[in-house]
Amino acid sequence: MAGDKLILTNFTAEELVDLFRPMIKDIILTFVGEREEKLLSPAQTCLLFEPKISKTTLATWTKQGLINEHRIGRNVYYKQSEILEKSKVLKRYKN
């Protein structure tokens, strides 16, 4: 089947677009879904630091503006990409 060719002579351009639109939409949604930002709870966020930090340290860094929190309703979340970036520079203990 790999070498076979499909000849589409009985379709208009609009019919081809209508035929492929659902498949393309599914591919795009899958790609976007894989790239969506992952939100972490405070407990999950603490575990990303080495050594892991306490929720008190996380709250302090958030109040100091070193880490951004994101709220959905009453719940607090942190973006995984932001935390991974901050974990490279923020340390629990100063040298």
Protein backbone atom coordinates (compact mmCIF):
# COMPACT_ATOMS: atom_id res chain seq x y z
CA MET A 1 0.00 0.00 0.00
CA ALA A 2 2.94 2.34 0.60
CA GLY A 3 3.68 2.61 -3.11
CA ASP A 4 0.04 2.88 -4.18
CA LYS A 5 -1.28 6.21 -5.34
CA LEU A 6 -4.75 7.55 -4.74
CA ILE A 7 -6.25 9.53 -7.58
CA LEU A 8 -8.98 11.96 -6.58
CA THR A 9 -10.60 13.09 -9.80
CA ASN A 10 -14.26 12.96 -8.81
CA PHE A 11 -14.03 15.47 -5.96
CA THR A 12 -14.27 19.23 -6.02
CA ALA A 13 -11.88 21.28 -3.91
CA GLU A 14 -14.69 22.03 -1.45
CA GLU A 15 -15.52 18.33 -1.11
CA LEU A 16 -11.88 17.53 -0.38
CA VAL A 17 -11.72 20.25 2.25
CA ASP A 18 -14.90 18.89 3.85
CA LEU A 19 -13.45 15.38 3.74
CA PHE A 20 -10.15 16.26 5.40
CA ARG A 21 -11.34 19.00 7.80
CA PRO A 22 -12.32 16.63 10.67
CA MET A 23 -9.01 14.77 10.44
CA ILE A 24 -6.98 17.99 10.44
CA LYS A 25 -9.01 19.37 13.34
CA ASP A 26 -8.31 16.21 15.41
CA ILE A 27 -4.59 16.45 14.67
CA ILE A 28 -4.49 20.12 15.69
CA LEU A 29 -6.45 19.49 18.89
CA THR A 30 -4.13 16.63 19.80
CA PHE A 31 -1.07 18.80 19.20
CA VAL A 32 -2.45 21.74 21.19
CA GLY A 33 -3.55 19.45 24.01
CA GLU A 34 -0.03 18.07 24.33
CA ARG A 35 1.38 21.57 24.60
CA GLU A 36 -1.08 22.92 27.15
CA GLU A 37 0.43 24.21 30.34
CA LYS A 38 0.32 21.80 33.24
CA LEU A 39 -0.93 23.31 36.49
CA LEU A 40 0.49 22.02 39.76
CA SER A 41 -0.89 22.12 43.27
CA PRO A 42 1.31 23.70 45.95
CA ALA A 43 2.25 20.21 47.22
CA GLN A 44 3.30 19.10 43.72
CA THR A 45 5.22 22.33 43.24
CA CYS A 46 7.26 21.84 46.42
CA LEU A 47 8.50 18.49 45.12
CA LEU A 48 10.04 20.02 41.99
CA PHE A 49 12.75 21.80 43.95
CA GLU A 50 15.97 20.04 44.96
CA PRO A 51 16.01 19.75 47.87
CA LYS A 52 12.24 19.92 48.09
CA ILE A 53 10.82 22.99 49.77
CA SER A 54 8.04 23.38 52.32
CA LYS A 55 4.68 24.98 51.60
CA THR A 56 5.78 27.81 53.92
CA THR A 57 8.83 28.50 51.74
CA LEU A 58 6.66 28.34 48.63
CA ALA A 59 4.19 30.83 50.16
CA THR A 60 7.04 33.14 51.17
CA TRP A 61 8.58 33.09 47.69
CA THR A 62 5.14 33.74 46.21
CA LYS A 63 4.56 36.75 48.51
CA GLN A 64 8.02 38.07 47.61
CA GLY A 65 7.13 37.86 43.92
CA LEU A 66 9.79 35.26 43.15
CA ILE A 67 7.16 32.78 41.95
CA ASN A 68 3.82 33.50 40.29
CA GLU A 69 0.69 31.80 41.51
CA HIS A 70 -2.40 31.29 39.39
CA ARG A 71 -5.86 31.05 40.91
CA ILE A 72 -8.88 29.19 39.66
CA GLY A 73 -11.67 30.01 42.03
CA ARG A 74 -10.24 29.58 45.53
CA ASN A 75 -7.57 27.12 44.43
CA VAL A 76 -3.94 28.09 43.93
CA TYR A 77 -1.87 26.54 41.16
CA TYR A 78 1.59 27.02 39.72
CA LYS A 79 2.58 26.58 36.07
CA GLN A 80 4.99 23.69 35.70
CA SER A 81 7.11 25.45 33.06
CA GLU A 82 7.56 28.51 35.30
CA ILE A 83 8.48 26.39 38.32
CA LEU A 84 11.00 24.32 36.37
CA GLU A 85 12.64 27.54 35.22
CA LYS A 86 12.62 29.08 38.72
CA SER A 87 13.93 25.89 40.33
CA LYS A 88 17.21 26.45 38.47
CA VAL A 89 17.86 29.74 40.29
CA LEU A 90 15.91 29.57 43.54
CA LYS A 91 17.51 27.55 46.33
CA ARG A 92 16.12 26.66 49.72
CA TYR A 93 19.44 27.37 51.38
CA LYS A 94 21.67 30.26 50.43
CA ASN A 95 25.35 29.43 49.89
